[in-house]
């Protein structure tokens, strides 16, 4: 219930699900079924005896095992405990969201302030339930994952930046991480030249929630309260991401100015040498 509602909240906010891994798994699954039919029917139509078809059957069985291992590898190294992976928001979606934010701000300024704090909170909850955010959503591809141990009410929800690398590179990163954890420091950490060196640039928001807070005494799910918690996570992610982008832009401009100064000093030195 909690996983489904968290995924639906992001989709209602305008994000589009990234189905690359599921499409790949479906393709491998259909290919394995086709392989079994081919392995069963081809020797019959080819007129082979059982002894003649043994090497062919062994090859098909080996290929089938590789397909099943690849499915397990994708589930382990790519999908993991993910609930939803989204694509990047395009410019049109960002413009529509900006217009929504400006409209909400105008309506808020035109409305009179409510005398009751409960009424104000209730109006915010209604806006969240309708999927209308009053803040700029980040354009990044998002990754939503969760974890809830057995016999425990603690529900850990994680919202992070979805890597832009391919499925193969994501699987390779998972293998590297596993090897590092098993090597006890023998294998060094990733450098700036590694594919997974951009891990530090990803924003990661983790919330430990109590599942009992979102159900009443009769076991009915309180959707508005849960959506409010999701909205707070998304707002914090957007704020951290904007701060990170501003910091990277500032450091990039500093690097450019330093390079320009160095180039100018070199030119002056060359002029003095010629004189």
Protein backbone atom coordinates (compact mmCIF):
# COMPACT_ATOMS: atom_id res chain seq x y z
CA UNK A 1 0.00 0.00 0.00
CA UNK A 2 2.69 2.52 1.01
CA UNK A 3 4.90 1.65 -1.99
CA UNK A 4 2.04 1.95 -4.45
CA UNK A 5 0.88 5.30 -3.08
CA UNK A 6 4.43 6.71 -3.14
CA UNK A 7 4.84 5.72 -6.79
CA UNK A 8 1.42 7.10 -7.71
CA UNK A 9 2.27 10.42 -6.03
CA UNK A 10 5.34 10.96 -8.24
CA UNK A 11 3.41 9.93 -11.36
CA UNK A 12 0.61 12.35 -10.47
CA UNK A 13 3.22 15.11 -10.19
CA UNK A 14 4.01 14.64 -13.89
CA UNK A 15 6.98 12.27 -13.78
CA UNK A 16 7.10 9.44 -16.33
CA UNK A 17 8.20 5.96 -15.33
CA UNK A 18 11.46 4.64 -16.78
CA UNK A 19 10.64 1.14 -18.01
CA UNK A 20 13.99 0.20 -19.54
CA UNK A 21 14.76 -2.57 -17.06
CA UNK A 22 11.26 -4.06 -17.16
CA UNK A 23 11.23 -4.00 -20.97
CA UNK A 24 14.61 -5.72 -21.02
CA UNK A 25 13.39 -8.38 -18.61
CA UNK A 26 10.27 -8.96 -20.72
CA UNK A 27 12.39 -9.28 -23.85
CA UNK A 28 14.67 -11.82 -22.19
CA UNK A 29 11.67 -13.74 -20.84
CA UNK A 30 9.95 -13.95 -24.22
CA UNK A 31 13.25 -14.94 -25.83
CA UNK A 32 13.72 -17.77 -23.34
CA UNK A 33 10.21 -19.06 -24.09
CA UNK A 34 10.94 -18.92 -27.83
CA UNK A 35 14.20 -20.74 -27.21
CA UNK A 36 12.46 -23.60 -25.40
CA UNK A 37 9.98 -23.99 -28.27
CA UNK A 38 12.81 -23.94 -30.80
CA UNK A 39 14.74 -26.52 -28.78
CA UNK A 40 11.67 -28.78 -28.65
CA UNK A 41 10.47 -28.52 -32.25
CA UNK A 42 13.58 -28.06 -34.39
CA UNK A 43 15.04 -31.60 -33.90
CA UNK A 44 11.64 -33.08 -34.78
CA UNK A 45 11.26 -31.16 -38.04
CA UNK A 46 14.94 -31.65 -38.85
CA UNK A 47 14.50 -35.44 -38.55
CA UNK A 48 17.28 -35.84 -35.99
CA UNK A 49 17.53 -38.83 -33.73
CA UNK A 50 17.91 -38.35 -29.99
CA UNK A 51 21.65 -39.00 -30.14
CA UNK A 52 22.07 -36.43 -32.92
CA UNK A 53 20.08 -33.77 -31.05
CA UNK A 54 21.95 -34.05 -27.71
CA UNK A 55 24.62 -31.39 -28.51
CA UNK A 56 21.94 -29.04 -29.83
CA UNK A 57 19.81 -29.53 -26.69
CA UNK A 58 22.82 -28.94 -24.44
CA UNK A 59 23.55 -25.66 -26.20
CA UNK A 60 19.94 -24.52 -25.85
CA UNK A 61 19.87 -25.45 -22.16
CA UNK A 62 23.10 -23.55 -21.55
CA UNK A 63 21.72 -20.49 -23.33
CA UNK A 64 18.49 -20.74 -21.32
CA UNK A 65 20.47 -20.82 -18.07
CA UNK A 66 22.37 -17.69 -19.13
CA UNK A 67 19.09 -15.91 -19.83
CA UNK A 68 17.72 -16.78 -16.38
CA UNK A 69 20.95 -15.64 -14.75
CA UNK A 70 20.73 -12.34 -16.60
CA UNK A 71 17.16 -11.86 -15.30
CA UNK A 72 18.36 -12.49 -11.75
CA UNK A 73 21.29 -10.11 -12.26
CA UNK A 74 18.99 -7.29 -13.42
CA UNK A 75 16.71 -7.81 -10.42
CA UNK A 76 19.68 -7.81 -8.04
CA UNK A 77 21.97 -5.17 -9.54
CA UNK A 78 19.59 -2.72 -11.23
CA UNK A 79 16.09 -2.90 -9.75
CA UNK A 80 17.15 -3.80 -6.17
CA UNK A 81 14.56 -2.48 -3.71
CA UNK A 82 13.36 0.25 -6.07
CA UNK A 83 9.71 1.18 -6.18
CA UNK A 84 9.84 3.54 -9.13
CA UNK A 85 12.43 4.98 -11.49
CA UNK A 86 11.42 8.01 -13.53
CA UNK A 87 12.71 9.80 -16.60
CA UNK A 88 13.93 13.37 -16.67
CA UNK A 89 11.27 16.03 -16.98
CA UNK A 90 11.42 17.80 -20.33
CA UNK A 91 11.35 21.56 -20.84
CA UNK A 92 7.63 21.61 -21.64
CA UNK A 93 6.79 19.92 -18.35
CA UNK A 94 9.04 22.36 -16.49
CA UNK A 95 7.29 25.34 -18.13
CA UNK A 96 3.88 23.95 -17.24
CA UNK A 97 5.03 23.41 -13.67
CA UNK A 98 6.38 26.97 -13.50
CA UNK A 99 3.03 28.30 -14.68
CA UNK A 100 1.29 26.21 -12.03
CA UNK A 101 3.59 27.58 -9.34
CA UNK A 102 3.03 31.19 -10.45
CA UNK A 103 -0.74 30.64 -10.56
CA UNK A 104 -0.72 29.13 -7.06
CA UNK A 105 1.32 32.05 -5.73
CA UNK A 106 -1.10 34.57 -7.24
CA UNK A 107 -4.10 32.76 -5.78
CA UNK A 108 -2.39 32.61 -2.40
CA UNK A 109 -1.65 36.35 -2.45
CA UNK A 110 -5.22 37.20 -3.48
CA UNK A 111 -6.81 35.02 -0.80
CA UNK A 112 -7.26 36.35 2.69
CA UNK A 113 -5.23 34.57 5.37
CA UNK A 114 -7.29 31.94 7.13
CA UNK A 115 -7.99 32.41 10.83
CA UNK A 116 -7.75 28.73 11.57
CA UNK A 117 -4.47 26.86 11.18
CA UNK A 118 -6.39 23.63 10.74
CA UNK A 119 -8.21 25.04 7.72
CA UNK A 120 -4.89 26.14 6.19
CA UNK A 121 -3.35 22.71 6.64
CA UNK A 122 -6.47 21.11 5.23
CA UNK A 123 -6.29 23.24 2.07
CA UNK A 124 -2.62 22.29 1.60
CA UNK A 125 -3.48 18.62 1.93
CA UNK A 126 -6.24 18.96 -0.66
CA UNK A 127 -3.79 20.58 -3.08
CA UNK A 128 -1.29 17.76 -2.54
CA UNK A 129 -3.96 15.14 -3.08
CA UNK A 130 -4.86 16.79 -6.37
CA UNK A 131 -1.25 16.53 -7.50
CA UNK A 132 -0.70 20.30 -7.76
CA UNK A 133 2.67 21.30 -6.31
CA UNK A 134 3.24 24.86 -5.17
CA UNK A 135 7.02 24.62 -5.70
CA UNK A 136 9.34 23.96 -8.63
CA UNK A 137 9.81 20.26 -9.15
CA UNK A 138 13.35 19.12 -9.96
CA UNK A 139 13.93 18.12 -13.61
CA UNK A 140 16.09 15.16 -12.59
CA UNK A 141 15.23 11.54 -13.09
CA UNK A 142 14.16 10.30 -9.66
CA UNK A 143 14.57 6.97 -7.94
CA UNK A 144 12.19 5.88 -5.19
CA UNK A 145 13.05 2.89 -3.00
CA UNK A 146 11.84 1.50 0.29
CA UNK A 147 12.71 -0.98 2.97
CA UNK A 148 10.60 -2.44 5.77
CA UNK A 149 11.99 -5.27 7.89
CA UNK A 150 9.74 -8.16 8.80
CA UNK A 151 7.80 -7.78 12.06
CA UNK A 152 8.74 -4.10 12.24
CA UNK A 153 6.67 -0.96 11.72
CA UNK A 154 9.62 1.22 10.63
CA UNK A 155 9.23 2.08 6.96
CA UNK A 156 12.35 3.56 5.34
CA UNK A 157 11.66 5.58 2.20
CA UNK A 158 14.49 6.90 0.02
CA UNK A 159 14.26 9.51 -2.74
CA UNK A 160 17.42 9.96 -4.80
CA UNK A 161 18.72 10.97 -8.20
CA UNK A 162 18.38 8.21 -10.75
CA UNK A 163 21.70 7.60 -12.56
CA UNK A 164 21.73 8.44 -16.25
CA UNK A 165 24.00 5.50 -17.09
CA UNK A 166 22.82 2.46 -19.01
CA UNK A 167 21.52 -0.72 -17.41
CA UNK A 168 24.81 -2.46 -18.13
CA UNK A 169 26.79 0.25 -16.31
CA UNK A 170 24.38 0.17 -13.36
CA UNK A 171 24.86 -3.60 -13.11
CA UNK A 172 28.61 -3.14 -13.39
CA UNK A 173 28.53 -0.57 -10.58
CA UNK A 174 26.64 -3.02 -8.36
CA UNK A 175 29.24 -5.71 -9.03
CA UNK A 176 32.03 -3.27 -8.20
CA UNK A 177 30.34 -2.32 -4.96
CA UNK A 178 29.94 -5.98 -4.02
CA UNK A 179 33.60 -6.68 -4.76
CA UNK A 180 34.67 -3.68 -2.67
CA UNK A 181 32.59 -4.86 0.29
CA UNK A 182 34.08 -8.35 0.04
CA UNK A 183 37.68 -7.19 -0.49
CA UNK A 184 37.94 -5.41 2.92
CA UNK A 185 39.69 -2.37 1.43
CA UNK A 186 41.90 -4.22 -1.04
CA UNK A 187 39.98 -2.75 -3.98
CA UNK A 188 40.25 1.03 -3.94
CA UNK A 189 37.32 3.41 -3.94
CA UNK A 190 36.15 4.95 -7.25
CA UNK A 191 38.10 7.88 -8.65
CA UNK A 192 36.95 10.75 -10.81
CA UNK A 193 37.65 8.68 -13.91
CA UNK A 194 35.37 5.82 -12.89
CA UNK A 195 31.83 5.48 -14.18
CA UNK A 196 30.40 5.54 -10.65
CA UNK A 197 32.40 8.54 -9.46
CA UNK A 198 29.33 10.76 -9.84
CA UNK A 199 27.75 9.03 -6.84
CA UNK A 200 28.66 12.04 -4.69
CA UNK A 201 26.78 14.40 -7.00
CA UNK A 202 23.49 12.57 -6.46
CA UNK A 203 21.02 13.89 -3.93
CA UNK A 204 19.66 11.36 -1.47
CA UNK A 205 16.78 11.94 0.95
CA UNK A 206 16.03 9.23 3.52
CA UNK A 207 12.99 9.18 5.79
CA UNK A 208 12.27 6.65 8.53
CA UNK A 209 8.51 6.59 8.92
CA UNK A 210 6.23 4.63 11.18
CA UNK A 211 3.68 2.67 9.17
CA UNK A 212 1.15 2.92 11.99
CA UNK A 213 1.00 6.72 11.59
CA UNK A 214 -0.79 6.38 8.26
CA UNK A 215 -3.56 4.02 9.32
CA UNK A 216 -6.38 4.76 11.72
CA UNK A 217 -7.68 2.48 14.46
CA UNK A 218 -9.91 0.67 11.95
CA UNK A 219 -7.02 -0.04 9.57
CA UNK A 220 -8.10 2.55 6.98
CA UNK A 221 -5.23 4.17 5.10
CA UNK A 222 -4.90 7.95 5.66
CA UNK A 223 -3.80 9.04 2.19
CA UNK A 224 -3.63 12.78 2.87
CA UNK A 225 -1.18 12.38 5.73
CA UNK A 226 1.09 10.12 3.70
CA UNK A 227 1.03 12.43 0.69
CA UNK A 228 2.02 15.32 2.95
CA UNK A 229 5.12 13.36 4.04
CA UNK A 230 5.96 12.61 0.40
CA UNK A 231 5.58 16.25 -0.49
CA UNK A 232 8.02 17.27 2.25
CA UNK A 233 10.57 14.80 0.87
CA UNK A 234 10.17 16.15 -2.65
CA UNK A 235 10.49 19.73 -1.45
CA UNK A 236 13.67 18.92 0.48
CA UNK A 237 15.10 17.16 -2.57
CA UNK A 238 14.31 20.14 -4.80
CA UNK A 239 15.96 22.54 -2.33
CA UNK A 240 19.11 20.42 -1.94
CA UNK A 241 19.37 19.90 -5.69
CA UNK A 242 19.07 23.63 -6.42
CA UNK A 243 21.76 24.40 -3.83
CA UNK A 244 24.00 21.75 -5.36
CA UNK A 245 23.54 23.14 -8.87
CA UNK A 246 24.23 26.68 -7.67
CA UNK A 247 27.41 25.52 -5.93
CA UNK A 248 28.63 23.62 -8.98
CA UNK A 249 27.93 26.62 -11.22
CA UNK A 250 29.83 28.90 -8.87
CA UNK A 251 32.83 26.56 -8.75
CA UNK A 252 32.74 26.22 -12.56
CA UNK A 253 32.79 30.01 -12.98
CA UNK A 254 35.69 30.26 -10.53
CA UNK A 255 37.61 27.64 -12.49
CA UNK A 256 37.00 29.55 -15.72
CA UNK A 257 38.17 32.83 -14.19
CA UNK A 258 41.30 31.15 -12.80
CA UNK A 259 42.09 29.66 -16.20
CA UNK A 260 41.58 33.06 -17.83
CA UNK A 261 43.94 34.69 -15.35
CA UNK A 262 46.57 32.03 -15.96
CA UNK A 263 46.26 32.49 -19.71
CA UNK A 264 46.59 36.26 -19.34
CA UNK A 265 49.71 35.95 -17.18
CA UNK A 266 51.28 33.61 -19.75
CA UNK A 267 50.62 36.13 -22.52
CA UNK A 268 52.25 38.91 -20.51
CA UNK A 269 55.31 36.76 -19.85
CA UNK A 270 55.61 35.97 -23.57
CA UNK A 271 55.41 39.67 -24.44
CA UNK A 272 58.17 40.51 -21.99
CA UNK A 273 60.38 37.80 -23.46
CA UNK A 274 59.90 39.17 -26.99
CA UNK A 275 60.71 42.70 -25.83
